[in-house]
Amino acid sequence: MGAALGIGVLSYLFGGLFVSWRLNRFPAGMRKRFGMSPWELQVPVESLRLVSRDGVELDVWHMPAARADAPLVVALHGYRGDRSEVLGISSYLWRSGYDVLVPDFRGRGNSQPGRISMGAWEVNDLAAVLDWVRATRPDVAVGVVGYSMGAAVALMEAGRHPNVKAIVSDCAYATQAGVLTYGVQRLIRLRGDFILPAAALFHRGYRRPGFGEVTPIAHADEWRGKALFFIGATNDQTVSPDDTRRLFEAAPEPKVLWMVRGAGHCGAYFQDRPRYCRLVAQFFERYLPEGGPGARETSPVMEETAGQGRTEWEPGR
């Protein structure tokens, strides 16, 4: 009896250690400093060096629009990525006439090396970018498009900035604890929340913010006055598809939900790149001009279309 109890306790602690290790590992090989840039896509770019509110230096691509009064969009990559991963949508938006900013989050790409989190510290990075926009173009209408952690950061920070008028969130998580629970549940086919206390115990050793400090859904009241476009993937193995639906339900109007059948995590773009880019650009076109959401009080909900692998919806229909 005692031996079985001991084995059970050790197994529980090992499970917590494993979850914490998987969450916090960020090998040097993942810190890509050389990759695709706007130059390869024949997009003009200048490099900005900004400092976040907590003193971290950030490297930011600025793709200047041809028009000085063009709306501006900030594109945000995910947890273990870098800005080169959002070059597709960024270059498309630039070619559509937008001023575009693409930062490397702290500890990634060409930004200052250092400790990272799943969004608790990275909100300071987005704040630095938006502060720079306010200082240089105080009257510009701003949109933000983010992926996974980048989407979570957008939902936690962008609502605090009045010049942000539209947010596109692709596969954001509602809470960090929910992501961990979902991952454990997929791994062992049991409820995953039981392991969180053990994971939190080891997580403190990494000197990272607690799981409860990353809760995008708790910021829903800050989204008032913004238009929101939530993109989810029905075959997401990283973030529960239900998180996208929960965020959509919590959001005020105007809002749009697009659940892409069969897509994996942040995979809607890769199912149909032209369509994806067109829809995002049309969303910004609708809600960024004249400084805010359009006249309609509600926006359509994108429903999954059986057998087609993606939804059938166009803004304005």
C-alpha atoms as a PDB file:
ATOM      1  CA  MET A   1       0.000   0.000   0.000  1.00  0.00           C
ATOM      2  CA  GLY A   2       2.738   2.429   0.993  1.00  0.00           C
ATOM      3  CA  ALA A   3       4.836   1.533  -2.045  1.00  0.00           C
ATOM      4  CA  ALA A   4       1.887   2.053  -4.372  1.00  0.00           C
ATOM      5  CA  LEU A   5       1.171   5.421  -2.770  1.00  0.00           C
ATOM      6  CA  GLY A   6       4.812   6.422  -3.153  1.00  0.00           C
ATOM      7  CA  ILE A   7       4.839   5.442  -6.804  1.00  0.00           C
ATOM      8  CA  GLY A   8       1.639   7.389  -7.351  1.00  0.00           C
ATOM      9  CA  VAL A   9       3.065  10.521  -5.729  1.00  0.00           C
ATOM     10  CA  LEU A  10       6.305  10.246  -7.715  1.00  0.00           C
ATOM     11  CA  SER A  11       4.355   9.717 -10.930  1.00  0.00           C
ATOM     12  CA  TYR A  12       2.239  12.790 -10.171  1.00  0.00           C
ATOM     13  CA  LEU A  13       5.300  14.929  -9.487  1.00  0.00           C
ATOM     14  CA  PHE A  14       7.053  13.621 -12.590  1.00  0.00           C
ATOM     15  CA  GLY A  15       3.977  14.512 -14.636  1.00  0.00           C
ATOM     16  CA  GLY A  16       4.101  18.044 -13.258  1.00  0.00           C
ATOM     17  CA  LEU A  17       7.820  18.287 -13.999  1.00  0.00           C
ATOM     18  CA  PHE A  18       7.278  17.071 -17.554  1.00  0.00           C
ATOM     19  CA  VAL A  19       4.485  19.583 -18.221  1.00  0.00           C
ATOM     20  CA  SER A  20       6.580  22.420 -16.812  1.00  0.00           C
ATOM     21  CA  TRP A  21       9.614  21.370 -18.858  1.00  0.00           C
ATOM     22  CA  ARG A  22       7.622  21.119 -22.076  1.00  0.00           C
ATOM     23  CA  LEU A  23       6.138  24.548 -21.463  1.00  0.00           C
ATOM     24  CA  ASN A  24       9.380  26.328 -20.645  1.00  0.00           C
ATOM     25  CA  ARG A  25      11.932  24.674 -22.894  1.00  0.00           C
ATOM     26  CA  PHE A  26      13.207  27.053 -25.532  1.00  0.00           C
ATOM     27  CA  PRO A  27      16.434  25.616 -27.004  1.00  0.00           C
ATOM     28  CA  ALA A  28      18.893  28.011 -28.579  1.00  0.00           C
ATOM     29  CA  GLY A  29      18.183  26.360 -31.931  1.00  0.00           C
ATOM     30  CA  MET A  30      14.646  27.747 -31.797  1.00  0.00           C
ATOM     31  CA  ARG A  31      15.944  31.300 -31.632  1.00  0.00           C
ATOM     32  CA  LYS A  32      16.163  31.940 -35.340  1.00  0.00           C
ATOM     33  CA  ARG A  33      18.191  35.000 -36.273  1.00  0.00           C
ATOM     34  CA  PHE A  34      18.492  34.244 -39.968  1.00  0.00           C
ATOM     35  CA  GLY A  35      15.408  33.596 -42.042  1.00  0.00           C
ATOM     36  CA  MET A  36      13.084  35.082 -44.616  1.00  0.00           C
ATOM     37  CA  SER A  37      12.688  38.842 -44.559  1.00  0.00           C
ATOM     38  CA  PRO A  38      10.597  41.410 -46.470  1.00  0.00           C
ATOM     39  CA  TRP A  39      13.517  41.814 -48.849  1.00  0.00           C
ATOM     40  CA  GLU A  40      12.935  38.348 -50.352  1.00  0.00           C
ATOM     41  CA  LEU A  41       9.334  39.376 -51.040  1.00  0.00           C
ATOM     42  CA  GLN A  42      10.366  42.716 -52.572  1.00  0.00           C
ATOM     43  CA  VAL A  43       8.672  44.666 -49.802  1.00  0.00           C
ATOM     44  CA  PRO A  44      10.400  47.847 -48.614  1.00  0.00           C
ATOM     45  CA  VAL A  45      11.322  47.700 -44.939  1.00  0.00           C
ATOM     46  CA  GLU A  46      13.096  49.657 -42.262  1.00  0.00           C
ATOM     47  CA  SER A  47      14.216  48.222 -38.932  1.00  0.00           C
ATOM     48  CA  LEU A  48      13.065  49.905 -35.738  1.00  0.00           C
ATOM     49  CA  ARG A  49      14.688  49.337 -32.372  1.00  0.00           C
ATOM     50  CA  LEU A  50      12.129  49.937 -29.630  1.00  0.00           C
ATOM     51  CA  VAL A  51      12.343  49.472 -25.868  1.00  0.00           C
ATOM     52  CA  SER A  52       9.476  47.870 -23.977  1.00  0.00           C
ATOM     53  CA  ARG A  53       8.078  49.320 -20.773  1.00  0.00           C
ATOM     54  CA  ASP A  54      10.149  46.861 -18.741  1.00  0.00           C
ATOM     55  CA  GLY A  55      13.381  47.685 -20.573  1.00  0.00           C
ATOM     56  CA  VAL A  56      13.649  44.925 -23.202  1.00  0.00           C
ATOM     57  CA  GLU A  57      14.973  45.913 -26.647  1.00  0.00           C
ATOM     58  CA  LEU A  58      12.785  44.821 -29.542  1.00  0.00           C
ATOM     59  CA  ASP A  59      13.515  44.613 -33.247  1.00  0.00           C
ATOM     60  CA  VAL A  60      10.559  45.629 -35.419  1.00  0.00           C
ATOM     61  CA  TRP A  61      10.080  45.554 -39.186  1.00  0.00           C
ATOM     62  CA  HIS A  62       8.276  48.590 -40.537  1.00  0.00           C
ATOM     63  CA  MET A  63       6.799  48.161 -44.011  1.00  0.00           C
ATOM     64  CA  PRO A  64       5.790  51.734 -44.885  1.00  0.00           C
ATOM     65  CA  ALA A  65       2.657  52.250 -46.929  1.00  0.00           C
ATOM     66  CA  ALA A  66       2.699  54.356 -50.076  1.00  0.00           C
ATOM     67  CA  ARG A  67       0.076  56.688 -48.561  1.00  0.00           C
ATOM     68  CA  ALA A  68       1.092  58.727 -45.539  1.00  0.00           C
ATOM     69  CA  ASP A  69      -2.455  58.518 -44.128  1.00  0.00           C
ATOM     70  CA  ALA A  70      -2.871  54.744 -44.592  1.00  0.00           C
ATOM     71  CA  PRO A  71      -4.278  52.664 -41.706  1.00  0.00           C
ATOM     72  CA  LEU A  72      -1.692  50.611 -39.833  1.00  0.00           C
ATOM     73  CA  VAL A  73      -1.647  46.916 -38.914  1.00  0.00           C
ATOM     74  CA  VAL A  74       0.590  45.165 -36.367  1.00  0.00           C
ATOM     75  CA  ALA A  75       1.256  41.438 -37.006  1.00  0.00           C
ATOM     76  CA  LEU A  76       2.228  39.201 -34.057  1.00  0.00           C
ATOM     77  CA  HIS A  77       3.834  35.742 -34.188  1.00  0.00           C
ATOM     78  CA  GLY A  78       3.440  32.845 -31.760  1.00  0.00           C
ATOM     79  CA  TYR A  79       5.180  31.463 -28.673  1.00  0.00           C
ATOM     80  CA  ARG A  80       8.133  29.615 -30.191  1.00  0.00           C
ATOM     81  CA  GLY A  81       8.128  31.465 -33.505  1.00  0.00           C
ATOM     82  CA  ASP A  82       9.517  34.701 -34.854  1.00  0.00           C
ATOM     83  CA  ARG A  83       8.280  37.440 -37.158  1.00  0.00           C
ATOM     84  CA  SER A  84       9.321  35.634 -40.354  1.00  0.00           C
ATOM     85  CA  GLU A  85       6.398  33.261 -39.726  1.00  0.00           C
ATOM     86  CA  VAL A  86       3.868  36.043 -40.343  1.00  0.00           C
ATOM     87  CA  LEU A  87       5.486  37.420 -43.490  1.00  0.00           C
ATOM     88  CA  GLY A  88       2.733  35.975 -45.687  1.00  0.00           C
ATOM     89  CA  ILE A  89      -0.132  37.941 -44.166  1.00  0.00           C
ATOM     90  CA  SER A  90       2.103  40.966 -43.466  1.00  0.00           C
ATOM     91  CA  SER A  91       3.283  41.339 -47.056  1.00  0.00           C
ATOM     92  CA  TYR A  92      -0.275  40.838 -48.349  1.00  0.00           C
ATOM     93  CA  LEU A  93      -1.570  43.604 -46.087  1.00  0.00           C
ATOM     94  CA  TRP A  94       1.245  45.897 -47.204  1.00  0.00           C
ATOM     95  CA  ARG A  95       0.378  45.239 -50.858  1.00  0.00           C
ATOM     96  CA  SER A  96      -3.232  46.032 -49.942  1.00  0.00           C
ATOM     97  CA  GLY A  97      -2.165  49.517 -48.912  1.00  0.00           C
ATOM     98  CA  TYR A  98      -1.579  49.203 -45.170  1.00  0.00           C
ATOM     99  CA  ASP A  99       1.319  50.477 -43.111  1.00  0.00           C
ATOM    100  CA  VAL A 100       2.608  47.306 -41.369  1.00  0.00           C
ATOM    101  CA  LEU A 101       4.683  46.712 -38.229  1.00  0.00           C
ATOM    102  CA  VAL A 102       6.046  43.234 -37.442  1.00  0.00           C
ATOM    103  CA  PRO A 103       7.949  42.860 -34.146  1.00  0.00           C
ATOM    104  CA  ASP A 104      10.013  39.981 -32.849  1.00  0.00           C
ATOM    105  CA  PHE A 105       8.798  39.275 -29.330  1.00  0.00           C
ATOM    106  CA  ARG A 106      11.392  39.324 -26.563  1.00  0.00           C
ATOM    107  CA  GLY A 107      13.814  36.408 -26.579  1.00  0.00           C
ATOM    108  CA  ARG A 108      12.996  35.573 -30.201  1.00  0.00           C
ATOM    109  CA  GLY A 109      14.498  36.495 -33.552  1.00  0.00           C
ATOM    110  CA  ASN A 110      16.532  39.689 -33.437  1.00  0.00           C
ATOM    111  CA  SER A 111      15.026  41.108 -30.275  1.00  0.00           C
ATOM    112  CA  GLN A 112      16.996  41.108 -27.038  1.00  0.00           C
ATOM    113  CA  PRO A 113      17.734  37.600 -25.713  1.00  0.00           C
ATOM    114  CA  GLY A 114      16.157  36.797 -22.397  1.00  0.00           C
ATOM    115  CA  ARG A 115      13.401  35.017 -20.574  1.00  0.00           C
ATOM    116  CA  ILE A 116      10.045  34.577 -22.240  1.00  0.00           C
ATOM    117  CA  SER A 117       6.501  33.813 -21.146  1.00  0.00           C
ATOM    118  CA  MET A 118       3.248  32.806 -22.810  1.00  0.00           C
ATOM    119  CA  GLY A 119       2.052  36.386 -22.993  1.00  0.00           C
ATOM    120  CA  ALA A 120       2.310  37.862 -19.493  1.00  0.00           C
ATOM    121  CA  TRP A 121       5.534  39.733 -20.331  1.00  0.00           C
ATOM    122  CA  GLU A 122       4.992  39.979 -24.086  1.00  0.00           C
ATOM    123  CA  VAL A 123       2.074  42.377 -23.583  1.00  0.00           C
ATOM    124  CA  ASN A 124       4.790  44.935 -22.784  1.00  0.00           C
ATOM    125  CA  ASP A 125       6.270  44.322 -26.244  1.00  0.00           C
ATOM    126  CA  LEU A 126       2.995  45.076 -28.012  1.00  0.00           C
ATOM    127  CA  ALA A 127       2.509  48.101 -25.761  1.00  0.00           C
ATOM    128  CA  ALA A 128       5.904  49.456 -26.904  1.00  0.00           C
ATOM    129  CA  VAL A 129       4.896  49.105 -30.559  1.00  0.00           C
ATOM    130  CA  LEU A 130       1.523  50.780 -30.005  1.00  0.00           C
ATOM    131  CA  ASP A 131       3.127  53.563 -27.939  1.00  0.00           C
ATOM    132  CA  TRP A 132       5.485  54.226 -30.855  1.00  0.00           C
ATOM    133  CA  VAL A 133       2.521  54.397 -33.235  1.00  0.00           C
ATOM    134  CA  ARG A 134       0.700  56.832 -30.978  1.00  0.00           C
ATOM    135  CA  ALA A 135       3.811  59.022 -30.719  1.00  0.00           C
ATOM    136  CA  THR A 136       4.510  59.101 -34.467  1.00  0.00           C
ATOM    137  CA  ARG A 137       0.995  58.834 -35.965  1.00  0.00           C
ATOM    138  CA  PRO A 138      -1.468  59.791 -33.231  1.00  0.00           C
ATOM    139  CA  ASP A 139      -4.521  59.888 -35.511  1.00  0.00           C
ATOM    140  CA  VAL A 140      -4.019  56.622 -37.397  1.00  0.00           C
ATOM    141  CA  ALA A 141      -6.529  53.772 -37.138  1.00  0.00           C
ATOM    142  CA  VAL A 142      -4.721  50.596 -36.027  1.00  0.00           C
ATOM    143  CA  GLY A 143      -5.485  46.922 -36.533  1.00  0.00           C
ATOM    144  CA  VAL A 144      -3.743  43.959 -34.895  1.00  0.00           C
ATOM    145  CA  VAL A 145      -3.521  40.408 -36.257  1.00  0.00           C
ATOM    146  CA  GLY A 146      -2.038  37.745 -33.995  1.00  0.00           C
ATOM    147  CA  TYR A 147      -1.409  34.018 -34.013  1.00  0.00           C
ATOM    148  CA  SER A 148      -1.627  31.720 -30.975  1.00  0.00           C
ATOM    149  CA  MET A 149       0.326  33.539 -28.246  1.00  0.00           C
ATOM    150  CA  GLY A 150       0.442  36.628 -30.459  1.00  0.00           C
ATOM    151  CA  ALA A 151      -3.352  36.560 -30.610  1.00  0.00           C
ATOM    152  CA  ALA A 152      -3.536  36.133 -26.833  1.00  0.00           C
ATOM    153  CA  VAL A 153      -1.226  39.133 -26.408  1.00  0.00           C
ATOM    154  CA  ALA A 154      -3.407  41.185 -28.756  1.00  0.00           C
ATOM    155  CA  LEU A 155      -6.523  40.327 -26.746  1.00  0.00           C
ATOM    156  CA  MET A 156      -4.825  41.209 -23.441  1.00  0.00           C
ATOM    157  CA  GLU A 157      -3.180  44.484 -24.495  1.00  0.00           C
ATOM    158  CA  ALA A 158      -4.756  46.023 -27.609  1.00  0.00           C
ATOM    159  CA  GLY A 159      -8.039  46.795 -25.885  1.00  0.00           C
ATOM    160  CA  ARG A 160      -6.237  49.326 -23.702  1.00  0.00           C
ATOM    161  CA  HIS A 161      -5.251  51.465 -26.686  1.00  0.00           C
ATOM    162  CA  PRO A 162      -7.994  53.716 -28.108  1.00  0.00           C
ATOM    163  CA  ASN A 163      -6.412  53.920 -31.569  1.00  0.00           C
ATOM    164  CA  VAL A 164      -6.744  50.131 -32.027  1.00  0.00           C
ATOM    165  CA  LYS A 165     -10.027  49.637 -33.862  1.00  0.00           C
ATOM    166  CA  ALA A 166      -9.907  46.017 -35.110  1.00  0.00           C
ATOM    167  CA  ILE A 167      -8.316  42.759 -33.895  1.00  0.00           C
ATOM    168  CA  VAL A 168      -7.890  39.478 -35.776  1.00  0.00           C
ATOM    169  CA  SER A 169      -7.265  36.573 -33.381  1.00  0.00           C
ATOM    170  CA  ASP A 170      -6.132  33.288 -34.943  1.00  0.00           C
ATOM    171  CA  CYS A 171      -6.175  30.327 -32.518  1.00  0.00           C
ATOM    172  CA  ALA A 172      -5.792  32.333 -29.318  1.00  0.00           C
ATOM    173  CA  TYR A 173      -6.175  30.516 -26.023  1.00  0.00           C
ATOM    174  CA  ALA A 174      -8.720  31.712 -23.490  1.00  0.00           C
ATOM    175  CA  THR A 175      -6.356  30.988 -20.574  1.00  0.00           C
ATOM    176  CA  GLN A 176      -2.843  29.564 -20.213  1.00  0.00           C
ATOM    177  CA  ALA A 177      -4.110  27.014 -17.695  1.00  0.00           C
ATOM    178  CA  GLY A 178      -6.605  25.826 -20.305  1.00  0.00           C
ATOM    179  CA  VAL A 179      -3.853  25.229 -22.878  1.00  0.00           C
ATOM    180  CA  LEU A 180      -1.926  23.062 -20.422  1.00  0.00           C
ATOM    181  CA  THR A 181      -5.043  21.178 -19.387  1.00  0.00           C
ATOM    182  CA  TYR A 182      -5.947  20.505 -23.015  1.00  0.00           C
ATOM    183  CA  GLY A 183      -2.439  19.253 -23.815  1.00  0.00           C
ATOM    184  CA  VAL A 184      -2.319  16.869 -20.863  1.00  0.00           C
ATOM    185  CA  GLN A 185      -5.809  15.604 -21.633  1.00  0.00           C
ATOM    186  CA  ARG A 186      -4.827  14.813 -25.208  1.00  0.00           C
ATOM    187  CA  LEU A 187      -1.701  13.012 -23.991  1.00  0.00           C
ATOM    188  CA  ILE A 188      -3.191  10.759 -21.334  1.00  0.00           C
ATOM    189  CA  ARG A 189      -6.872  10.785 -22.326  1.00  0.00           C
ATOM    190  CA  LEU A 190      -7.887  11.885 -18.813  1.00  0.00           C
ATOM    191  CA  ARG A 191      -8.825  15.230 -17.285  1.00  0.00           C
ATOM    192  CA  GLY A 192      -5.748  17.385 -17.520  1.00  0.00           C
ATOM    193  CA  ASP A 193      -6.458  19.953 -14.819  1.00  0.00           C
ATOM    194  CA  PHE A 194      -5.424  17.593 -11.999  1.00  0.00           C
ATOM    195  CA  ILE A 195      -1.746  17.957 -12.982  1.00  0.00           C
ATOM    196  CA  LEU A 196      -1.714  21.777 -12.865  1.00  0.00           C
ATOM    197  CA  PRO A 197      -0.781  22.108  -9.153  1.00  0.00           C
ATOM    198  CA  ALA A 198       2.273  19.888  -9.683  1.00  0.00           C
ATOM    199  CA  ALA A 199       3.211  21.712 -12.889  1.00  0.00           C
ATOM    200  CA  ALA A 200       2.853  25.059 -11.118  1.00  0.00           C
ATOM    201  CA  LEU A 201       5.203  23.833  -8.373  1.00  0.00           C
ATOM    202  CA  PHE A 202       8.016  23.216 -10.868  1.00  0.00           C
ATOM    203  CA  HIS A 203       7.029  26.184 -13.014  1.00  0.00           C
ATOM    204  CA  ARG A 204       8.125  28.521 -10.211  1.00  0.00           C
ATOM    205  CA  GLY A 205      11.657  27.223 -10.613  1.00  0.00           C
ATOM    206  CA  TYR A 206      11.756  28.725 -14.103  1.00  0.00           C
ATOM    207  CA  ARG A 207      10.874  32.155 -12.646  1.00  0.00           C
ATOM    208  CA  ARG A 208       8.031  32.581 -15.076  1.00  0.00           C
ATOM    209  CA  PRO A 209       4.649  34.255 -14.439  1.00  0.00           C
ATOM    210  CA  GLY A 210       1.989  32.049 -12.915  1.00  0.00           C
ATOM    211  CA  PHE A 211      -0.573  30.332 -15.090  1.00  0.00           C
ATOM    212  CA  GLY A 212      -3.296  32.662 -13.828  1.00  0.00           C
ATOM    213  CA  GLU A 213      -1.534  35.744 -15.231  1.00  0.00           C
ATOM    214  CA  VAL A 214      -2.377  34.847 -18.850  1.00  0.00           C
ATOM    215  CA  THR A 215      -6.155  35.019 -19.228  1.00  0.00           C
ATOM    216  CA  PRO A 216      -7.174  36.757 -22.467  1.00  0.00           C
ATOM    217  CA  ILE A 217     -10.864  36.035 -21.885  1.00  0.00           C
ATOM    218  CA  ALA A 218     -10.769  38.149 -18.718  1.00  0.00           C
ATOM    219  CA  HIS A 219     -10.077  41.218 -20.882  1.00  0.00           C
ATOM    220  CA  ALA A 220     -13.341  41.031 -22.844  1.00  0.00           C
ATOM    221  CA  ASP A 221     -14.682  44.275 -21.371  1.00  0.00           C
ATOM    222  CA  GLU A 222     -11.638  46.092 -22.806  1.00  0.00           C
ATOM    223  CA  TRP A 223     -12.636  45.077 -26.338  1.00  0.00           C
ATOM    224  CA  ARG A 224     -15.613  47.438 -26.435  1.00  0.00           C
ATOM    225  CA  GLY A 225     -15.302  49.826 -29.352  1.00  0.00           C
ATOM    226  CA  LYS A 226     -13.172  47.340 -31.299  1.00  0.00           C
ATOM    227  CA  ALA A 227     -14.216  44.954 -34.067  1.00  0.00           C
ATOM    228  CA  LEU A 228     -13.057  41.364 -33.485  1.00  0.00           C
ATOM    229  CA  PHE A 229     -12.490  38.546 -35.973  1.00  0.00           C
ATOM    230  CA  PHE A 230     -11.912  35.173 -34.273  1.00  0.00           C
ATOM    231  CA  ILE A 231     -10.402  32.394 -36.400  1.00  0.00           C
ATOM    232  CA  GLY A 232     -10.344  28.852 -35.052  1.00  0.00           C
ATOM    233  CA  ALA A 233      -9.329  25.409 -36.298  1.00  0.00           C
ATOM    234  CA  THR A 234     -11.498  22.367 -35.684  1.00  0.00           C
ATOM    235  CA  ASN A 235      -8.486  19.998 -35.651  1.00  0.00           C
ATOM    236  CA  ASP A 236      -6.315  22.152 -33.374  1.00  0.00           C
ATOM    237  CA  GLN A 237      -4.077  19.876 -31.295  1.00  0.00           C
ATOM    238  CA  THR A 238      -2.493  22.741 -29.337  1.00  0.00           C
ATOM    239  CA  VAL A 239      -5.368  25.011 -28.315  1.00  0.00           C
ATOM    240  CA  SER A 240      -8.863  23.675 -27.824  1.00  0.00           C
ATOM    241  CA  PRO A 241     -11.241  24.818 -30.599  1.00  0.00           C
ATOM    242  CA  ASP A 242     -13.681  25.572 -27.784  1.00  0.00           C
ATOM    243  CA  ASP A 243     -11.379  28.396 -26.676  1.00  0.00           C
ATOM    244  CA  THR A 244     -12.071  30.265 -29.914  1.00  0.00           C
ATOM    245  CA  ARG A 245     -15.804  29.827 -29.419  1.00  0.00           C
ATOM    246  CA  ARG A 246     -15.587  30.961 -25.774  1.00  0.00           C
ATOM    247  CA  LEU A 247     -13.664  34.086 -26.725  1.00  0.00           C
ATOM    248  CA  PHE A 248     -16.194  34.874 -29.445  1.00  0.00           C
ATOM    249  CA  GLU A 249     -19.118  34.463 -27.043  1.00  0.00           C
ATOM    250  CA  ALA A 250     -17.427  36.730 -24.478  1.00  0.00           C
ATOM    251  CA  ALA A 251     -16.664  39.477 -27.010  1.00  0.00           C
ATOM    252  CA  PRO A 252     -18.943  42.474 -27.549  1.00  0.00           C
ATOM    253  CA  GLU A 253     -20.279  43.365 -30.989  1.00  0.00           C
ATOM    254  CA  PRO A 254     -19.187  43.761 -33.729  1.00  0.00           C
ATOM    255  CA  LYS A 255     -17.546  40.349 -33.976  1.00  0.00           C
ATOM    256  CA  VAL A 256     -17.033  37.529 -36.465  1.00  0.00           C
ATOM    257  CA  LEU A 257     -16.321  33.837 -35.863  1.00  0.00           C
ATOM    258  CA  TRP A 258     -14.693  31.590 -38.479  1.00  0.00           C
ATOM    259  CA  MET A 259     -14.160  27.944 -37.511  1.00  0.00           C
ATOM    260  CA  VAL A 260     -12.173  26.267 -40.294  1.00  0.00           C
ATOM    261  CA  ARG A 261     -13.031  22.593 -40.650  1.00  0.00           C
ATOM    262  CA  GLY A 262     -10.056  20.213 -40.660  1.00  0.00           C
ATOM    263  CA  ALA A 263      -7.420  22.871 -40.020  1.00  0.00           C
ATOM    264  CA  GLY A 264      -4.699  22.389 -37.418  1.00  0.00           C
ATOM    265  CA  HIS A 265      -3.277  25.001 -35.070  1.00  0.00           C
ATOM    266  CA  CYS A 266      -3.042  28.301 -36.984  1.00  0.00           C
ATOM    267  CA  GLY A 267      -3.624  26.237 -40.115  1.00  0.00           C
ATOM    268  CA  ALA A 268      -6.471  28.195 -41.700  1.00  0.00           C
ATOM    269  CA  TYR A 269      -3.946  30.295 -43.618  1.00  0.00           C
ATOM    270  CA  PHE A 270      -2.373  27.203 -45.168  1.00  0.00           C
ATOM    271  CA  GLN A 271      -5.655  25.658 -46.283  1.00  0.00           C
ATOM    272  CA  ASP A 272      -6.317  28.504 -48.689  1.00  0.00           C
ATOM    273  CA  ARG A 273      -3.785  31.341 -48.548  1.00  0.00           C
ATOM    274  CA  PRO A 274      -5.474  33.692 -51.064  1.00  0.00           C
ATOM    275  CA  ARG A 275      -8.874  33.360 -49.398  1.00  0.00           C
ATOM    276  CA  TYR A 276      -7.478  33.750 -45.902  1.00  0.00           C
ATOM    277  CA  CYS A 277      -5.525  36.896 -46.786  1.00  0.00           C
ATOM    278  CA  ARG A 278      -8.458  38.355 -48.673  1.00  0.00           C
ATOM    279  CA  LEU A 279     -10.844  37.875 -45.738  1.00  0.00           C
ATOM    280  CA  VAL A 280      -8.440  39.406 -43.237  1.00  0.00           C
ATOM    281  CA  ALA A 281      -7.780  42.370 -45.516  1.00  0.00           C
ATOM    282  CA  GLN A 282     -11.502  42.869 -46.129  1.00  0.00           C
ATOM    283  CA  PHE A 283     -12.157  42.778 -42.391  1.00  0.00           C
ATOM    284  CA  PHE A 284      -9.625  45.542 -41.830  1.00  0.00           C
ATOM    285  CA  GLU A 285     -10.949  47.454 -44.840  1.00  0.00           C
ATOM    286  CA  ARG A 286     -14.376  47.413 -43.290  1.00  0.00           C
ATOM    287  CA  TYR A 287     -13.445  48.416 -39.769  1.00  0.00           C
ATOM    288  CA  LEU A 288     -10.306  50.571 -39.950  1.00  0.00           C
ATOM    289  CA  PRO A 289     -11.373  53.463 -42.229  1.00  0.00           C
ATOM    290  CA  GLU A 290     -13.070  56.430 -40.543  1.00  0.00           C
ATOM    291  CA  GLY A 291     -11.477  55.372 -37.283  1.00  0.00           C
ATOM    292  CA  GLY A 292     -13.673  52.553 -36.088  1.00  0.00           C
ATOM    293  CA  PRO A 293     -16.332  49.882 -36.463  1.00  0.00           C
ATOM    294  CA  GLY A 294     -18.876  50.375 -39.215  1.00  0.00           C
ATOM    295  CA  ALA A 295     -22.558  51.138 -38.975  1.00  0.00           C
ATOM    296  CA  ARG A 296     -23.772  47.564 -38.494  1.00  0.00           C
ATOM    297  CA  GLU A 297     -24.355  46.563 -34.896  1.00  0.00           C
ATOM    298  CA  THR A 298     -23.728  42.887 -35.531  1.00  0.00           C
ATOM    299  CA  SER A 299     -21.485  40.880 -37.794  1.00  0.00           C
ATOM    300  CA  PRO A 300     -22.168  37.476 -39.333  1.00  0.00           C
ATOM    301  CA  VAL A 301     -21.049  34.278 -37.677  1.00  0.00           C
ATOM    302  CA  MET A 302     -19.134  32.008 -40.027  1.00  0.00           C
ATOM    303  CA  GLU A 303     -20.659  28.567 -39.889  1.00  0.00           C
ATOM    304  CA  GLU A 304     -18.776  25.435 -40.906  1.00  0.00           C
ATOM    305  CA  THR A 305     -19.887  24.173 -44.319  1.00  0.00           C
ATOM    306  CA  ALA A 306     -20.105  20.391 -44.352  1.00  0.00           C
ATOM    307  CA  GLY A 307     -17.759  18.636 -46.729  1.00  0.00           C
ATOM    308  CA  GLN A 308     -16.037  21.751 -48.033  1.00  0.00           C
ATOM    309  CA  GLY A 309     -13.092  21.936 -45.630  1.00  0.00           C
ATOM    310  CA  ARG A 310     -13.714  25.617 -44.957  1.00  0.00           C
ATOM    311  CA  THR A 311     -16.516  28.078 -44.473  1.00  0.00           C
ATOM    312  CA  GLU A 312     -18.286  30.106 -47.125  1.00  0.00           C
ATOM    313  CA  TRP A 313     -18.450  33.720 -46.015  1.00  0.00           C
ATOM    314  CA  GLU A 314     -17.435  37.116 -47.325  1.00  0.00           C
ATOM    315  CA  PRO A 315     -17.514  40.359 -45.329  1.00  0.00           C
ATOM    316  CA  GLY A 316     -20.528  42.418 -46.265  1.00  0.00           C
ATOM    317  CA  ARG A 317     -22.712  39.516 -47.364  1.00  0.00           C
END
